Amino acid sequence: MLINVTKGYIIASNIEKAINYWKRMKGLLGRISIPDDYALVIYKCTGIHTYKMQFDIDVIFLDKDRKVIEIIRHMTPGNKTDIDSKRKYAIEMKAGLAPAGLQNGEELYWC
């Protein structure tokens, strides 16, 4: 479950953690789609790409304290972000499903 601790609501009820090297490198590659209630939490992540992906995603980057520092909405296949050492986690979800009111500085929690 992915929760916005600051505002007290659930963002996604089904999460997958990409902690080890291979899961972090693979991310969502090879998937045709993902469920609306799904989020992939990528650890040790300073940037992402969507090469060879088949669908748009929303991306939420967090700092070491799990606070939002950047939100990318509707990232299309074939793109990449710059590398930013302040980023420690990336959360990927289906495009359009990152909460509209989500703001930098809000703390997220997952379990």
PDB file of N, CA and C in Angstrom:
ATOM      1  N   MET A   1       0.842  -1.171   0.000  1.00  0.00           N
ATOM      2  CA  MET A   1       0.000   0.000   0.000  1.00  0.00           C
ATOM      3  C   MET A   1       0.894   1.243   0.000  1.00  0.00           C
ATOM      4  N   LEU A   2       0.543   2.233  -0.820  1.00  0.00           N
ATOM      5  CA  LEU A   2       1.255   3.502  -0.897  1.00  0.00           C
ATOM      6  C   LEU A   2       0.340   4.587  -0.344  1.00  0.00           C
ATOM      7  N   ILE A   3       0.838   5.279   0.680  1.00  0.00           N
ATOM      8  CA  ILE A   3       0.013   6.236   1.415  1.00  0.00           C
ATOM      9  C   ILE A   3       0.672   7.616   1.420  1.00  0.00           C
ATOM     10  N   ASN A   4      -0.137   8.646   1.233  1.00  0.00           N
ATOM     11  CA  ASN A   4       0.317  10.016   1.441  1.00  0.00           C
ATOM     12  C   ASN A   4       0.122  10.298   2.929  1.00  0.00           C
ATOM     13  N   VAL A   5       1.221  10.289   3.675  1.00  0.00           N
ATOM     14  CA  VAL A   5       1.172  10.476   5.129  1.00  0.00           C
ATOM     15  C   VAL A   5       0.769  11.913   5.472  1.00  0.00           C
ATOM     16  N   THR A   6       1.242  12.858   4.707  1.00  0.00           N
ATOM     17  CA  THR A   6       0.974  14.272   4.965  1.00  0.00           C
ATOM     18  C   THR A   6      -0.518  14.580   4.921  1.00  0.00           C
ATOM     19  N   LYS A   7      -1.204  14.031   3.914  1.00  0.00           N
ATOM     20  CA  LYS A   7      -2.630  14.342   3.745  1.00  0.00           C
ATOM     21  C   LYS A   7      -3.547  13.192   4.127  1.00  0.00           C
ATOM     22  N   GLY A   8      -2.970  12.022   4.441  1.00  0.00           N
ATOM     23  CA  GLY A   8      -3.769  10.920   4.957  1.00  0.00           C
ATOM     24  C   GLY A   8      -4.665  10.216   3.969  1.00  0.00           C
ATOM     25  N   TYR A   9      -4.147   9.871   2.800  1.00  0.00           N
ATOM     26  CA  TYR A   9      -4.960   9.098   1.856  1.00  0.00           C
ATOM     27  C   TYR A   9      -4.097   8.057   1.143  1.00  0.00           C
ATOM     28  N   ILE A  10      -4.775   7.049   0.593  1.00  0.00           N
ATOM     29  CA  ILE A  10      -4.109   5.965  -0.120  1.00  0.00           C
ATOM     30  C   ILE A  10      -3.945   6.360  -1.590  1.00  0.00           C
ATOM     31  N   ILE A  11      -2.722   6.198  -2.100  1.00  0.00           N
ATOM     32  CA  ILE A  11      -2.450   6.485  -3.502  1.00  0.00           C
ATOM     33  C   ILE A  11      -2.590   5.219  -4.341  1.00  0.00           C
ATOM     34  N   ALA A  12      -2.060   4.098  -3.831  1.00  0.00           N
ATOM     35  CA  ALA A  12      -2.151   2.811  -4.536  1.00  0.00           C
ATOM     36  C   ALA A  12      -2.258   1.700  -3.498  1.00  0.00           C
ATOM     37  N   SER A  13      -3.127   0.752  -3.758  1.00  0.00           N
ATOM     38  CA  SER A  13      -3.310  -0.332  -2.794  1.00  0.00           C
ATOM     39  C   SER A  13      -2.408  -1.530  -3.083  1.00  0.00           C
ATOM     40  N   ASN A  14      -1.834  -1.586  -4.267  1.00  0.00           N
ATOM     41  CA  ASN A  14      -0.984  -2.710  -4.663  1.00  0.00           C
ATOM     42  C   ASN A  14       0.374  -2.156  -5.081  1.00  0.00           C
ATOM     43  N   ILE A  15       1.423  -2.458  -4.290  1.00  0.00           N
ATOM     44  CA  ILE A  15       2.757  -1.979  -4.663  1.00  0.00           C
ATOM     45  C   ILE A  15       3.717  -3.140  -4.862  1.00  0.00           C
ATOM     46  N   GLU A  16       4.702  -2.870  -5.676  1.00  0.00           N
ATOM     47  CA  GLU A  16       5.816  -3.796  -5.876  1.00  0.00           C
ATOM     48  C   GLU A  16       7.084  -3.000  -5.589  1.00  0.00           C
ATOM     49  N   LYS A  17       8.024  -3.616  -4.893  1.00  0.00           N
ATOM     50  CA  LYS A  17       9.282  -2.952  -4.574  1.00  0.00           C
ATOM     51  C   LYS A  17      10.382  -3.480  -5.479  1.00  0.00           C
ATOM     52  N   ALA A  18      11.108  -2.573  -6.105  1.00  0.00           N
ATOM     53  CA  ALA A  18      12.281  -2.931  -6.904  1.00  0.00           C
ATOM     54  C   ALA A  18      13.501  -2.523  -6.093  1.00  0.00           C
ATOM     55  N   ILE A  19      14.016  -3.475  -5.319  1.00  0.00           N
ATOM     56  CA  ILE A  19      15.114  -3.190  -4.396  1.00  0.00           C
ATOM     57  C   ILE A  19      16.447  -3.661  -4.974  1.00  0.00           C
ATOM     58  N   ASN A  20      16.479  -4.872  -5.530  1.00  0.00           N
ATOM     59  CA  ASN A  20      17.757  -5.380  -6.030  1.00  0.00           C
ATOM     60  C   ASN A  20      18.070  -4.824  -7.422  1.00  0.00           C
ATOM     61  N   TYR A  21      19.308  -4.970  -7.817  1.00  0.00           N
ATOM     62  CA  TYR A  21      19.797  -4.388  -9.062  1.00  0.00           C
ATOM     63  C   TYR A  21      18.943  -4.766 -10.266  1.00  0.00           C
ATOM     64  N   TRP A  22      18.648  -6.050 -10.439  1.00  0.00           N
ATOM     65  CA  TRP A  22      17.927  -6.504 -11.635  1.00  0.00           C
ATOM     66  C   TRP A  22      16.501  -5.990 -11.676  1.00  0.00           C
ATOM     67  N   LYS A  23      15.820  -5.964 -10.554  1.00  0.00           N
ATOM     68  CA  LYS A  23      14.450  -5.442 -10.531  1.00  0.00           C
ATOM     69  C   LYS A  23      14.433  -3.937 -10.805  1.00  0.00           C
ATOM     70  N   ARG A  24      15.453  -3.234 -10.285  1.00  0.00           N
ATOM     71  CA  ARG A  24      15.540  -1.788 -10.537  1.00  0.00           C
ATOM     72  C   ARG A  24      15.794  -1.513 -12.014  1.00  0.00           C
ATOM     73  N   MET A  25      16.641  -2.312 -12.633  1.00  0.00           N
ATOM     74  CA  MET A  25      16.958  -2.107 -14.051  1.00  0.00           C
ATOM     75  C   MET A  25      15.770  -2.447 -14.953  1.00  0.00           C
ATOM     76  N   LYS A  26      15.031  -3.475 -14.598  1.00  0.00           N
ATOM     77  CA  LYS A  26      13.902  -3.890 -15.427  1.00  0.00           C
ATOM     78  C   LYS A  26      12.706  -2.957 -15.275  1.00  0.00           C
ATOM     79  N   GLY A  27      12.414  -2.550 -14.056  1.00  0.00           N
ATOM     80  CA  GLY A  27      11.275  -1.659 -13.842  1.00  0.00           C
ATOM     81  C   GLY A  27       9.998  -2.230 -14.423  1.00  0.00           C
ATOM     82  N   LEU A  28       9.350  -1.462 -15.279  1.00  0.00           N
ATOM     83  CA  LEU A  28       8.095  -1.885 -15.899  1.00  0.00           C
ATOM     84  C   LEU A  28       8.288  -2.415 -17.319  1.00  0.00           C
ATOM     85  N   LEU A  29       9.532  -2.569 -17.740  1.00  0.00           N
ATOM     86  CA  LEU A  29       9.791  -3.057 -19.096  1.00  0.00           C
ATOM     87  C   LEU A  29       9.188  -4.440 -19.299  1.00  0.00           C
ATOM     88  N   GLY A  30       8.637  -4.655 -20.481  1.00  0.00           N
ATOM     89  CA  GLY A  30       8.057  -5.944 -20.828  1.00  0.00           C
ATOM     90  C   GLY A  30       6.592  -6.083 -20.466  1.00  0.00           C
ATOM     91  N   ARG A  31       6.036  -5.094 -19.812  1.00  0.00           N
ATOM     92  CA  ARG A  31       4.618  -5.160 -19.445  1.00  0.00           C
ATOM     93  C   ARG A  31       3.788  -4.398 -20.482  1.00  0.00           C
ATOM     94  N   ILE A  32       2.621  -4.918 -20.752  1.00  0.00           N
ATOM     95  CA  ILE A  32       1.725  -4.274 -21.707  1.00  0.00           C
ATOM     96  C   ILE A  32       0.921  -3.177 -21.025  1.00  0.00           C
ATOM     97  N   SER A  33       0.591  -3.388 -19.766  1.00  0.00           N
ATOM     98  CA  SER A  33      -0.132  -2.388 -18.969  1.00  0.00           C
ATOM     99  C   SER A  33       0.030  -2.751 -17.491  1.00  0.00           C
ATOM    100  N   ILE A  34      -0.479  -1.885 -16.639  1.00  0.00           N
ATOM    101  CA  ILE A  34      -0.490  -2.151 -15.191  1.00  0.00           C
ATOM    102  C   ILE A  34      -1.857  -1.759 -14.650  1.00  0.00           C
ATOM    103  N   PRO A  35      -2.274  -2.358 -13.548  1.00  0.00           N
ATOM    104  CA  PRO A  35      -3.580  -2.021 -12.966  1.00  0.00           C
ATOM    105  C   PRO A  35      -3.625  -0.588 -12.431  1.00  0.00           C
ATOM    106  N   ASP A  36      -4.809  -0.050 -12.324  1.00  0.00           N
ATOM    107  CA  ASP A  36      -5.000   1.314 -11.815  1.00  0.00           C
ATOM    108  C   ASP A  36      -4.538   1.472 -10.369  1.00  0.00           C
ATOM    109  N   ASP A  37      -4.623   0.416  -9.574  1.00  0.00           N
ATOM    110  CA  ASP A  37      -4.278   0.512  -8.145  1.00  0.00           C
ATOM    111  C   ASP A  37      -2.832   0.109  -7.862  1.00  0.00           C
ATOM    112  N   TYR A  38      -1.988   0.054  -8.890  1.00  0.00           N
ATOM    113  CA  TYR A  38      -0.613  -0.466  -8.796  1.00  0.00           C
ATOM    114  C   TYR A  38       0.413   0.667  -8.831  1.00  0.00           C
ATOM    115  N   ALA A  39       1.486   0.496  -8.048  1.00  0.00           N
ATOM    116  CA  ALA A  39       2.643   1.390  -8.106  1.00  0.00           C
ATOM    117  C   ALA A  39       3.911   0.572  -7.925  1.00  0.00           C
ATOM    118  N   LEU A  40       4.933   0.903  -8.706  1.00  0.00           N
ATOM    119  CA  LEU A  40       6.250   0.288  -8.566  1.00  0.00           C
ATOM    120  C   LEU A  40       7.144   1.284  -7.839  1.00  0.00           C
ATOM    121  N   VAL A  41       7.710   0.868  -6.703  1.00  0.00           N
ATOM    122  CA  VAL A  41       8.621   1.712  -5.931  1.00  0.00           C
ATOM    123  C   VAL A  41      10.041   1.242  -6.228  1.00  0.00           C
ATOM    124  N   ILE A  42      10.834   2.117  -6.855  1.00  0.00           N
ATOM    125  CA  ILE A  42      12.205   1.781  -7.229  1.00  0.00           C
ATOM    126  C   ILE A  42      13.158   2.443  -6.235  1.00  0.00           C
ATOM    127  N   TYR A  43      13.934   1.624  -5.554  1.00  0.00           N
ATOM    128  CA  TYR A  43      14.896   2.098  -4.561  1.00  0.00           C
ATOM    129  C   TYR A  43      16.188   2.530  -5.253  1.00  0.00           C
ATOM    130  N   LYS A  44      16.953   3.403  -4.583  1.00  0.00           N
ATOM    131  CA  LYS A  44      18.252   3.877  -5.080  1.00  0.00           C
ATOM    132  C   LYS A  44      18.142   4.386  -6.506  1.00  0.00           C
ATOM    133  N   CYS A  45      17.162   5.213  -6.762  1.00  0.00           N
ATOM    134  CA  CYS A  45      16.855   5.648  -8.129  1.00  0.00           C
ATOM    135  C   CYS A  45      17.060   7.157  -8.270  1.00  0.00           C
ATOM    136  N   THR A  46      17.995   7.534  -9.138  1.00  0.00           N
ATOM    137  CA  THR A  46      18.268   8.953  -9.380  1.00  0.00           C
ATOM    138  C   THR A  46      17.725   9.427 -10.727  1.00  0.00           C
ATOM    139  N   GLY A  47      17.226   8.502 -11.543  1.00  0.00           N
ATOM    140  CA  GLY A  47      16.643   8.845 -12.839  1.00  0.00           C
ATOM    141  C   GLY A  47      16.060   7.601 -13.476  1.00  0.00           C
ATOM    142  N   ILE A  48      15.163   7.798 -14.440  1.00  0.00           N
ATOM    143  CA  ILE A  48      14.530   6.657 -15.116  1.00  0.00           C
ATOM    144  C   ILE A  48      14.479   6.892 -16.623  1.00  0.00           C
ATOM    145  N   HIS A  49      14.141   5.826 -17.353  1.00  0.00           N
ATOM    146  CA  HIS A  49      13.868   5.943 -18.788  1.00  0.00           C
ATOM    147  C   HIS A  49      12.637   5.115 -19.113  1.00  0.00           C
ATOM    148  N   THR A  50      12.053   5.419 -20.253  1.00  0.00           N
ATOM    149  CA  THR A  50      10.883   4.664 -20.706  1.00  0.00           C
ATOM    150  C   THR A  50      11.130   4.047 -22.081  1.00  0.00           C
ATOM    151  N   TYR A  51      12.394   3.769 -22.392  1.00  0.00           N
ATOM    152  CA  TYR A  51      12.718   3.124 -23.662  1.00  0.00           C
ATOM    153  C   TYR A  51      12.074   1.744 -23.712  1.00  0.00           C
ATOM    154  N   LYS A  52      11.494   1.420 -24.829  1.00  0.00           N
ATOM    155  CA  LYS A  52      10.849   0.118 -25.091  1.00  0.00           C
ATOM    156  C   LYS A  52       9.620  -0.133 -24.224  1.00  0.00           C
ATOM    157  N   MET A  53       9.116   0.898 -23.555  1.00  0.00           N
ATOM    158  CA  MET A  53       7.864   0.727 -22.810  1.00  0.00           C
ATOM    159  C   MET A  53       6.694   0.885 -23.767  1.00  0.00           C
ATOM    160  N   GLN A  54       5.539   0.367 -23.373  1.00  0.00           N
ATOM    161  CA  GLN A  54       4.384   0.357 -24.258  1.00  0.00           C
ATOM    162  C   GLN A  54       3.254   1.268 -23.790  1.00  0.00           C
ATOM    163  N   PHE A  55       3.479   2.014 -22.714  1.00  0.00           N
ATOM    164  CA  PHE A  55       2.417   2.878 -22.207  1.00  0.00           C
ATOM    165  C   PHE A  55       3.031   4.050 -21.439  1.00  0.00           C
ATOM    166  N   ASP A  56       2.246   5.113 -21.295  1.00  0.00           N
ATOM    167  CA  ASP A  56       2.673   6.296 -20.537  1.00  0.00           C
ATOM    168  C   ASP A  56       2.614   5.994 -19.040  1.00  0.00           C
ATOM    169  N   ILE A  57       3.459   6.703 -18.280  1.00  0.00           N
ATOM    170  CA  ILE A  57       3.442   6.555 -16.826  1.00  0.00           C
ATOM    171  C   ILE A  57       3.521   7.921 -16.150  1.00  0.00           C
ATOM    172  N   ASP A  58       3.100   7.957 -14.902  1.00  0.00           N
ATOM    173  CA  ASP A  58       3.369   9.078 -14.003  1.00  0.00           C
ATOM    174  C   ASP A  58       4.513   8.634 -13.107  1.00  0.00           C
ATOM    175  N   VAL A  59       5.407   9.565 -12.789  1.00  0.00           N
ATOM    176  CA  VAL A  59       6.568   9.257 -11.956  1.00  0.00           C
ATOM    177  C   VAL A  59       6.638  10.260 -10.806  1.00  0.00           C
ATOM    178  N   ILE A  60       6.824   9.741  -9.609  1.00  0.00           N
ATOM    179  CA  ILE A  60       7.000  10.576  -8.425  1.00  0.00           C
ATOM    180  C   ILE A  60       8.389  10.281  -7.871  1.00  0.00           C
ATOM    181  N   PHE A  61       9.229  11.297  -7.805  1.00  0.00           N
ATOM    182  CA  PHE A  61      10.561  11.129  -7.216  1.00  0.00           C
ATOM    183  C   PHE A  61      10.543  11.609  -5.774  1.00  0.00           C
ATOM    184  N   LEU A  62      11.223  10.844  -4.907  1.00  0.00           N
ATOM    185  CA  LEU A  62      11.289  11.168  -3.485  1.00  0.00           C
ATOM    186  C   LEU A  62      12.743  11.311  -3.048  1.00  0.00           C
ATOM    187  N   ASP A  63      12.942  12.081  -1.982  1.00  0.00           N
ATOM    188  CA  ASP A  63      14.273  12.217  -1.398  1.00  0.00           C
ATOM    189  C   ASP A  63      14.501  11.121  -0.351  1.00  0.00           C
ATOM    190  N   LYS A  64      15.602  11.209   0.373  1.00  0.00           N
ATOM    191  CA  LYS A  64      15.956  10.175   1.355  1.00  0.00           C
ATOM    192  C   LYS A  64      14.940  10.055   2.486  1.00  0.00           C
ATOM    193  N   ASP A  65      14.175  11.116   2.738  1.00  0.00           N
ATOM    194  CA  ASP A  65      13.151  11.114   3.784  1.00  0.00           C
ATOM    195  C   ASP A  65      11.775  10.729   3.252  1.00  0.00           C
ATOM    196  N   ARG A  66      11.738  10.244   2.002  1.00  0.00           N
ATOM    197  CA  ARG A  66      10.493   9.848   1.329  1.00  0.00           C
ATOM    198  C   ARG A  66       9.542  11.018   1.130  1.00  0.00           C
ATOM    199  N   LYS A  67      10.104  12.180   0.922  1.00  0.00           N
ATOM    200  CA  LYS A  67       9.299  13.369   0.625  1.00  0.00           C
ATOM    201  C   LYS A  67       9.364  13.645  -0.873  1.00  0.00           C
ATOM    202  N   VAL A  68       8.224  14.029  -1.432  1.00  0.00           N
ATOM    203  CA  VAL A  68       8.115  14.301  -2.865  1.00  0.00           C
ATOM    204  C   VAL A  68       9.020  15.472  -3.237  1.00  0.00           C
ATOM    205  N   ILE A  69       9.839  15.269  -4.267  1.00  0.00           N
ATOM    206  CA  ILE A  69      10.672  16.373  -4.759  1.00  0.00           C
ATOM    207  C   ILE A  69      10.408  16.676  -6.238  1.00  0.00           C
ATOM    208  N   GLU A  70       9.728  15.762  -6.939  1.00  0.00           N
ATOM    209  CA  GLU A  70       9.408  16.013  -8.343  1.00  0.00           C
ATOM    210  C   GLU A  70       8.310  15.065  -8.794  1.00  0.00           C
ATOM    211  N   ILE A  71       7.433  15.572  -9.652  1.00  0.00           N
ATOM    212  CA  ILE A  71       6.353  14.760 -10.223  1.00  0.00           C
ATOM    213  C   ILE A  71       6.394  14.950 -11.737  1.00  0.00           C
ATOM    214  N   ILE A  72       6.429  13.847 -12.456  1.00  0.00           N
ATOM    215  CA  ILE A  72       6.360  13.886 -13.919  1.00  0.00           C
ATOM    216  C   ILE A  72       5.074  13.189 -14.314  1.00  0.00           C
ATOM    217  N   ARG A  73       4.231  13.889 -15.008  1.00  0.00           N
ATOM    218  CA  ARG A  73       2.932  13.329 -15.420  1.00  0.00           C
ATOM    219  C   ARG A  73       2.960  12.981 -16.909  1.00  0.00           C
ATOM    220  N   HIS A  74       2.403  11.840 -17.229  1.00  0.00           N
ATOM    221  CA  HIS A  74       2.288  11.361 -18.611  1.00  0.00           C
ATOM    222  C   HIS A  74       3.635  11.312 -19.329  1.00  0.00           C
ATOM    223  N   MET A  75       4.604  10.647 -18.717  1.00  0.00           N
ATOM    224  CA  MET A  75       5.893  10.420 -19.375  1.00  0.00           C
ATOM    225  C   MET A  75       5.673   9.363 -20.445  1.00  0.00           C
ATOM    226  N   THR A  76       5.968   9.713 -21.676  1.00  0.00           N
ATOM    227  CA  THR A  76       5.693   8.826 -22.805  1.00  0.00           C
ATOM    228  C   THR A  76       6.852   7.861 -23.046  1.00  0.00           C
ATOM    229  N   PRO A  77       6.581   6.744 -23.729  1.00  0.00           N
ATOM    230  CA  PRO A  77       7.658   5.804 -24.064  1.00  0.00           C
ATOM    231  C   PRO A  77       8.746   6.489 -24.889  1.00  0.00           C
ATOM    232  N   GLY A  78       9.987   6.026 -24.683  1.00  0.00           N
ATOM    233  CA  GLY A  78      11.112   6.538 -25.452  1.00  0.00           C
ATOM    234  C   GLY A  78      11.780   7.770 -24.875  1.00  0.00           C
ATOM    235  N   ASN A  79      11.507   8.079 -23.608  1.00  0.00           N
ATOM    236  CA  ASN A  79      12.094   9.258 -22.974  1.00  0.00           C
ATOM    237  C   ASN A  79      12.947   8.880 -21.779  1.00  0.00           C
ATOM    238  N   LYS A  80      13.668   9.870 -21.261  1.00  0.00           N
ATOM    239  CA  LYS A  80      14.456   9.652 -20.044  1.00  0.00           C
ATOM    240  C   LYS A  80      14.498  10.941 -19.242  1.00  0.00           C
ATOM    241  N   THR A  81      14.772  10.775 -17.961  1.00  0.00           N
ATOM    242  CA  THR A  81      14.954  11.940 -17.093  1.00  0.00           C
ATOM    243  C   THR A  81      16.447  12.197 -16.948  1.00  0.00           C
ATOM    244  N   ASP A  82      16.780  13.380 -16.501  1.00  0.00           N
ATOM    245  CA  ASP A  82      18.159  13.659 -16.113  1.00  0.00           C
ATOM    246  C   ASP A  82      18.440  12.908 -14.814  1.00  0.00           C
ATOM    247  N   ILE A  83      19.699  12.765 -14.497  1.00  0.00           N
ATOM    248  CA  ILE A  83      20.118  12.171 -13.227  1.00  0.00           C
ATOM    249  C   ILE A  83      20.162  13.288 -12.182  1.00  0.00           C
ATOM    250  N   ASP A  84      19.613  13.016 -11.010  1.00  0.00           N
ATOM    251  CA  ASP A  84      19.621  13.996  -9.917  1.00  0.00           C
ATOM    252  C   ASP A  84      19.929  13.242  -8.627  1.00  0.00           C
ATOM    253  N   SER A  85      21.044  13.568  -8.011  1.00  0.00           N
ATOM    254  CA  SER A  85      21.486  12.838  -6.818  1.00  0.00           C
ATOM    255  C   SER A  85      20.583  13.044  -5.610  1.00  0.00           C
ATOM    256  N   LYS A  86      19.703  14.040  -5.632  1.00  0.00           N
ATOM    257  CA  LYS A  86      18.756  14.239  -4.516  1.00  0.00           C
ATOM    258  C   LYS A  86      17.655  13.183  -4.538  1.00  0.00           C
ATOM    259  N   ARG A  87      17.417  12.612  -5.687  1.00  0.00           N
ATOM    260  CA  ARG A  87      16.396  11.566  -5.812  1.00  0.00           C
ATOM    261  C   ARG A  87      16.922  10.269  -5.219  1.00  0.00           C
ATOM    262  N   LYS A  88      16.104   9.627  -4.384  1.00  0.00           N
ATOM    263  CA  LYS A  88      16.489   8.344  -3.786  1.00  0.00           C
ATOM    264  C   LYS A  88      15.497   7.236  -4.133  1.00  0.00           C
ATOM    265  N   TYR A  89      14.269   7.606  -4.451  1.00  0.00           N
ATOM    266  CA  TYR A  89      13.223   6.653  -4.832  1.00  0.00           C
ATOM    267  C   TYR A  89      12.459   7.214  -6.029  1.00  0.00           C
ATOM    268  N   ALA A  90      11.964   6.301  -6.869  1.00  0.00           N
ATOM    269  CA  ALA A  90      11.033   6.676  -7.936  1.00  0.00           C
ATOM    270  C   ALA A  90       9.804   5.786  -7.796  1.00  0.00           C
ATOM    271  N   ILE A  91       8.664   6.378  -7.939  1.00  0.00           N
ATOM    272  CA  ILE A  91       7.414   5.621  -7.918  1.00  0.00           C
ATOM    273  C   ILE A  91       6.778   5.767  -9.292  1.00  0.00           C
ATOM    274  N   GLU A  92       6.566   4.629  -9.947  1.00  0.00           N
ATOM    275  CA  GLU A  92       5.973   4.626 -11.281  1.00  0.00           C
ATOM    276  C   GLU A  92       4.564   4.052 -11.185  1.00  0.00           C
ATOM    277  N   MET A  93       3.642   4.720 -11.871  1.00  0.00           N
ATOM    278  CA  MET A  93       2.248   4.260 -11.903  1.00  0.00           C
ATOM    279  C   MET A  93       1.632   4.624 -13.241  1.00  0.00           C
ATOM    280  N   LYS A  94       0.462   4.086 -13.505  1.00  0.00           N
ATOM    281  CA  LYS A  94      -0.226   4.357 -14.758  1.00  0.00           C
ATOM    282  C   LYS A  94      -0.442   5.866 -14.920  1.00  0.00           C
ATOM    283  N   ALA A  95      -0.232   6.349 -16.135  1.00  0.00           N
ATOM    284  CA  ALA A  95      -0.384   7.775 -16.423  1.00  0.00           C
ATOM    285  C   ALA A  95      -1.769   8.268 -16.033  1.00  0.00           C
ATOM    286  N   GLY A  96      -1.791   9.440 -15.413  1.00  0.00           N
ATOM    287  CA  GLY A  96      -3.045  10.058 -14.993  1.00  0.00           C
ATOM    288  C   GLY A  96      -3.476   9.692 -13.591  1.00  0.00           C
ATOM    289  N   LEU A  97      -2.732   8.787 -12.930  1.00  0.00           N
ATOM    290  CA  LEU A  97      -3.158   8.324 -11.610  1.00  0.00           C
ATOM    291  C   LEU A  97      -2.355   8.889 -10.444  1.00  0.00           C
ATOM    292  N   ALA A  98      -1.285   9.624 -10.710  1.00  0.00           N
ATOM    293  CA  ALA A  98      -0.626  10.341  -9.610  1.00  0.00           C
ATOM    294  C   ALA A  98      -1.625  11.407  -9.151  1.00  0.00           C
ATOM    295  N   PRO A  99      -1.884  11.488  -7.865  1.00  0.00           N
ATOM    296  CA  PRO A  99      -2.921  12.398  -7.381  1.00  0.00           C
ATOM    297  C   PRO A  99      -2.721  13.839  -7.855  1.00  0.00           C
ATOM    298  N   ALA A 100      -3.796  14.459  -8.314  1.00  0.00           N
ATOM    299  CA  ALA A 100      -3.744  15.820  -8.845  1.00  0.00           C
ATOM    300  C   ALA A 100      -3.243  16.822  -7.812  1.00  0.00           C
ATOM    301  N   GLY A 101      -3.593  16.631  -6.548  1.00  0.00           N
ATOM    302  CA  GLY A 101      -3.199  17.576  -5.502  1.00  0.00           C
ATOM    303  C   GLY A 101      -1.851  17.290  -4.863  1.00  0.00           C
ATOM    304  N   LEU A 102      -1.148  16.251  -5.326  1.00  0.00           N
ATOM    305  CA  LEU A 102       0.148  15.894  -4.746  1.00  0.00           C
ATOM    306  C   LEU A 102       1.146  17.028  -4.955  1.00  0.00           C
ATOM    307  N   GLN A 103       1.871  17.372  -3.883  1.00  0.00           N
ATOM    308  CA  GLN A 103       2.792  18.503  -3.951  1.00  0.00           C
ATOM    309  C   GLN A 103       4.161  18.134  -3.392  1.00  0.00           C
ATOM    310  N   ASN A 104       5.170  18.875  -3.842  1.00  0.00           N
ATOM    311  CA  ASN A 104       6.512  18.690  -3.290  1.00  0.00           C
ATOM    312  C   ASN A 104       6.482  18.902  -1.784  1.00  0.00           C
ATOM    313  N   GLY A 105       7.272  18.098  -1.071  1.00  0.00           N
ATOM    314  CA  GLY A 105       7.357  18.191   0.375  1.00  0.00           C
ATOM    315  C   GLY A 105       6.446  17.230   1.119  1.00  0.00           C
ATOM    316  N   GLU A 106       5.456  16.648   0.420  1.00  0.00           N
ATOM    317  CA  GLU A 106       4.563  15.693   1.084  1.00  0.00           C
ATOM    318  C   GLU A 106       5.289  14.363   1.277  1.00  0.00           C
ATOM    319  N   GLU A 107       5.046  13.736   2.421  1.00  0.00           N
ATOM    320  CA  GLU A 107       5.710  12.485   2.766  1.00  0.00           C
ATOM    321  C   GLU A 107       4.852  11.291   2.366  1.00  0.00           C
ATOM    322  N   LEU A 108       5.500  10.317   1.714  1.00  0.00           N
ATOM    323  CA  LEU A 108       4.822   9.081   1.320  1.00  0.00           C
ATOM    324  C   LEU A 108       5.378   7.908   2.107  1.00  0.00           C
ATOM    325  N   TYR A 109       4.534   6.903   2.303  1.00  0.00           N
ATOM    326  CA  TYR A 109       4.901   5.707   3.047  1.00  0.00           C
ATOM    327  C   TYR A 109       4.361   4.509   2.301  1.00  0.00           C
ATOM    328  N   TRP A 110       5.108   3.413   2.297  1.00  0.00           N
ATOM    329  CA  TRP A 110       4.608   2.169   1.688  1.00  0.00           C
ATOM    330  C   TRP A 110       4.954   0.988   2.556  1.00  0.00           C
ATOM    331  N   CYS A 111       4.140  -0.032   2.406  1.00  0.00           N
ATOM    332  CA  CYS A 111       4.353  -1.272   3.150  1.00  0.00           C
ATOM    333  C   CYS A 111       3.830  -2.438   2.339  1.00  0.00           C
TER     334      CYS A 111
END
